[in-house]
Amino acid sequence: MSQPIKLVILITTLPGRGREQIAAFERLAPIVRAEPGCLQYDLHQVSGEPDRFVLIERWSSKETLAAHDVAPHMIEADAASPTFRAGPAEVIQLVAEPLA
């Protein structure tokens, strides 16, 4: 089994559509958090910017993240997101441990 995976995902919605991102996350989060290997799945709004978000994910391994990526609920969510997102999310994978 591999090391835990930490992701920071930057999301921007179309102007005025941030509430749709929040609603979509509220529906999806309990399902994702129940997935095997999900250690964290939290959406944060950028202060003062109602259409910008940061999603923080932690997974127990690259295998559990890979299974998450192809789960039917994620495929459905990814298909719906272009209706309110300004473009693709930017996914940043962090090294497993902090540097300092």
C-alpha atoms as a PDB file:
ATOM      1  CA  MET A   1       0.000   0.000   0.000  1.00  0.00           C
ATOM      2  CA  SER A   2       1.275   3.468  -0.821  1.00  0.00           C
ATOM      3  CA  GLN A   3       1.630   6.534   1.408  1.00  0.00           C
ATOM      4  CA  PRO A   4      -1.286   8.853   2.117  1.00  0.00           C
ATOM      5  CA  ILE A   5      -2.152  11.307  -0.647  1.00  0.00           C
ATOM      6  CA  LYS A   6      -2.865  14.989   0.037  1.00  0.00           C
ATOM      7  CA  LEU A   7      -4.596  17.143  -2.573  1.00  0.00           C
ATOM      8  CA  VAL A   8      -5.458  20.831  -2.769  1.00  0.00           C
ATOM      9  CA  ILE A   9      -7.999  21.533  -5.495  1.00  0.00           C
ATOM     10  CA  LEU A  10      -8.654  25.082  -6.704  1.00  0.00           C
ATOM     11  CA  ILE A  11     -12.151  25.692  -8.039  1.00  0.00           C
ATOM     12  CA  THR A  12     -13.629  28.801  -9.658  1.00  0.00           C
ATOM     13  CA  THR A  13     -17.275  29.021 -10.598  1.00  0.00           C
ATOM     14  CA  LEU A  14     -18.916  31.184 -13.194  1.00  0.00           C
ATOM     15  CA  PRO A  15     -19.738  34.646 -11.803  1.00  0.00           C
ATOM     16  CA  GLY A  16     -22.550  34.442  -9.279  1.00  0.00           C
ATOM     17  CA  ARG A  17     -22.696  30.626  -9.345  1.00  0.00           C
ATOM     18  CA  GLY A  18     -20.737  29.868  -6.164  1.00  0.00           C
ATOM     19  CA  ARG A  19     -23.874  28.780  -4.329  1.00  0.00           C
ATOM     20  CA  GLU A  20     -24.306  25.971  -6.877  1.00  0.00           C
ATOM     21  CA  GLN A  21     -20.820  24.702  -6.072  1.00  0.00           C
ATOM     22  CA  ILE A  22     -21.665  24.690  -2.366  1.00  0.00           C
ATOM     23  CA  ALA A  23     -24.959  22.856  -2.962  1.00  0.00           C
ATOM     24  CA  ALA A  24     -23.267  20.246  -5.158  1.00  0.00           C
ATOM     25  CA  PHE A  25     -20.604  19.698  -2.506  1.00  0.00           C
ATOM     26  CA  GLU A  26     -23.187  19.390   0.265  1.00  0.00           C
ATOM     27  CA  ARG A  27     -24.866  16.562  -1.679  1.00  0.00           C
ATOM     28  CA  LEU A  28     -21.599  14.820  -2.562  1.00  0.00           C
ATOM     29  CA  ALA A  29     -19.540  15.181   0.631  1.00  0.00           C
ATOM     30  CA  PRO A  30     -21.300  12.569   2.803  1.00  0.00           C
ATOM     31  CA  ILE A  31     -20.960   9.972   0.038  1.00  0.00           C
ATOM     32  CA  VAL A  32     -17.273  10.703  -0.514  1.00  0.00           C
ATOM     33  CA  ARG A  33     -16.480  10.833   3.193  1.00  0.00           C
ATOM     34  CA  ALA A  34     -17.953   7.314   3.518  1.00  0.00           C
ATOM     35  CA  GLU A  35     -15.632   5.928   0.824  1.00  0.00           C
ATOM     36  CA  PRO A  36     -12.893   3.549   1.976  1.00  0.00           C
ATOM     37  CA  GLY A  37      -9.656   5.471   2.456  1.00  0.00           C
ATOM     38  CA  CYS A  38     -11.142   8.973   2.611  1.00  0.00           C
ATOM     39  CA  LEU A  39      -9.406  10.796   5.463  1.00  0.00           C
ATOM     40  CA  GLN A  40     -10.532  14.344   4.638  1.00  0.00           C
ATOM     41  CA  TYR A  41     -12.860  15.971   2.129  1.00  0.00           C
ATOM     42  CA  ASP A  42     -13.482  19.640   2.991  1.00  0.00           C
ATOM     43  CA  LEU A  43     -14.541  22.582   0.841  1.00  0.00           C
ATOM     44  CA  HIS A  44     -13.502  26.120   1.826  1.00  0.00           C
ATOM     45  CA  GLN A  45     -14.626  29.355   0.221  1.00  0.00           C
ATOM     46  CA  VAL A  46     -11.912  31.914  -0.473  1.00  0.00           C
ATOM     47  CA  SER A  47     -12.454  34.888   1.828  1.00  0.00           C
ATOM     48  CA  GLY A  48     -14.155  37.760   0.035  1.00  0.00           C
ATOM     49  CA  GLU A  49     -14.496  35.774  -3.219  1.00  0.00           C
ATOM     50  CA  PRO A  50     -17.861  33.973  -3.353  1.00  0.00           C
ATOM     51  CA  ASP A  51     -17.008  32.186  -6.603  1.00  0.00           C
ATOM     52  CA  ARG A  52     -13.624  30.724  -5.573  1.00  0.00           C
ATOM     53  CA  PHE A  53     -13.083  27.602  -3.492  1.00  0.00           C
ATOM     54  CA  VAL A  54     -10.368  25.326  -2.188  1.00  0.00           C
ATOM     55  CA  LEU A  55     -11.118  21.633  -1.709  1.00  0.00           C
ATOM     56  CA  ILE A  56      -8.767  19.764   0.606  1.00  0.00           C
ATOM     57  CA  GLU A  57      -8.627  16.000   0.222  1.00  0.00           C
ATOM     58  CA  ARG A  58      -6.603  13.344   2.018  1.00  0.00           C
ATOM     59  CA  TRP A  59      -6.666   9.698   1.009  1.00  0.00           C
ATOM     60  CA  SER A  60      -5.054   6.722   2.709  1.00  0.00           C
ATOM     61  CA  SER A  61      -3.342   5.609  -0.503  1.00  0.00           C
ATOM     62  CA  LYS A  62      -3.064   6.171  -4.234  1.00  0.00           C
ATOM     63  CA  GLU A  63      -5.263   3.092  -4.668  1.00  0.00           C
ATOM     64  CA  THR A  64      -8.138   4.544  -2.647  1.00  0.00           C
ATOM     65  CA  LEU A  65      -7.835   7.843  -4.524  1.00  0.00           C
ATOM     66  CA  ALA A  66      -7.892   5.985  -7.852  1.00  0.00           C
ATOM     67  CA  ALA A  67     -11.069   4.145  -6.791  1.00  0.00           C
ATOM     68  CA  HIS A  68     -12.625   7.471  -5.744  1.00  0.00           C
ATOM     69  CA  ASP A  69     -11.879   9.024  -9.128  1.00  0.00           C
ATOM     70  CA  VAL A  70     -13.892   6.358 -10.990  1.00  0.00           C
ATOM     71  CA  ALA A  71     -16.757   6.015  -8.499  1.00  0.00           C
ATOM     72  CA  PRO A  72     -20.159   6.523 -10.189  1.00  0.00           C
ATOM     73  CA  HIS A  73     -21.023   9.505  -7.956  1.00  0.00           C
ATOM     74  CA  MET A  74     -17.769  11.235  -8.965  1.00  0.00           C
ATOM     75  CA  ILE A  75     -18.343  10.608 -12.672  1.00  0.00           C
ATOM     76  CA  GLU A  76     -21.829  12.102 -12.278  1.00  0.00           C
ATOM     77  CA  ALA A  77     -20.504  15.101 -10.304  1.00  0.00           C
ATOM     78  CA  ASP A  78     -17.755  15.747 -12.851  1.00  0.00           C
ATOM     79  CA  ALA A  79     -20.309  15.676 -15.667  1.00  0.00           C
ATOM     80  CA  ALA A  80     -22.516  18.252 -13.891  1.00  0.00           C
ATOM     81  CA  SER A  81     -19.793  20.680 -12.788  1.00  0.00           C
ATOM     82  CA  PRO A  82     -19.312  22.464 -16.156  1.00  0.00           C
ATOM     83  CA  THR A  83     -22.814  23.918 -15.743  1.00  0.00           C
ATOM     84  CA  PHE A  84     -21.555  26.180 -12.931  1.00  0.00           C
ATOM     85  CA  ARG A  85     -17.746  26.070 -13.011  1.00  0.00           C
ATOM     86  CA  ALA A  86     -15.655  28.567 -14.952  1.00  0.00           C
ATOM     87  CA  GLY A  87     -13.280  25.816 -16.083  1.00  0.00           C
ATOM     88  CA  PRO A  88     -11.566  22.666 -14.908  1.00  0.00           C
ATOM     89  CA  ALA A  89     -10.422  22.515 -11.308  1.00  0.00           C
ATOM     90  CA  GLU A  90      -6.680  22.775 -10.691  1.00  0.00           C
ATOM     91  CA  VAL A  91      -5.489  19.724  -8.740  1.00  0.00           C
ATOM     92  CA  ILE A  92      -2.295  20.087  -6.714  1.00  0.00           C
ATOM     93  CA  GLN A  93      -0.820  16.994  -5.088  1.00  0.00           C
ATOM     94  CA  LEU A  94       1.338  17.705  -2.037  1.00  0.00           C
ATOM     95  CA  VAL A  95       4.246  15.661  -0.734  1.00  0.00           C
ATOM     96  CA  ALA A  96       3.160  13.341   2.074  1.00  0.00           C
ATOM     97  CA  GLU A  97       4.910  15.123   4.944  1.00  0.00           C
ATOM     98  CA  PRO A  98       5.430  18.827   5.686  1.00  0.00           C
ATOM     99  CA  LEU A  99       8.922  20.101   4.974  1.00  0.00           C
ATOM    100  CA  ALA A 100       9.200  22.012   8.258  1.00  0.00           C
END
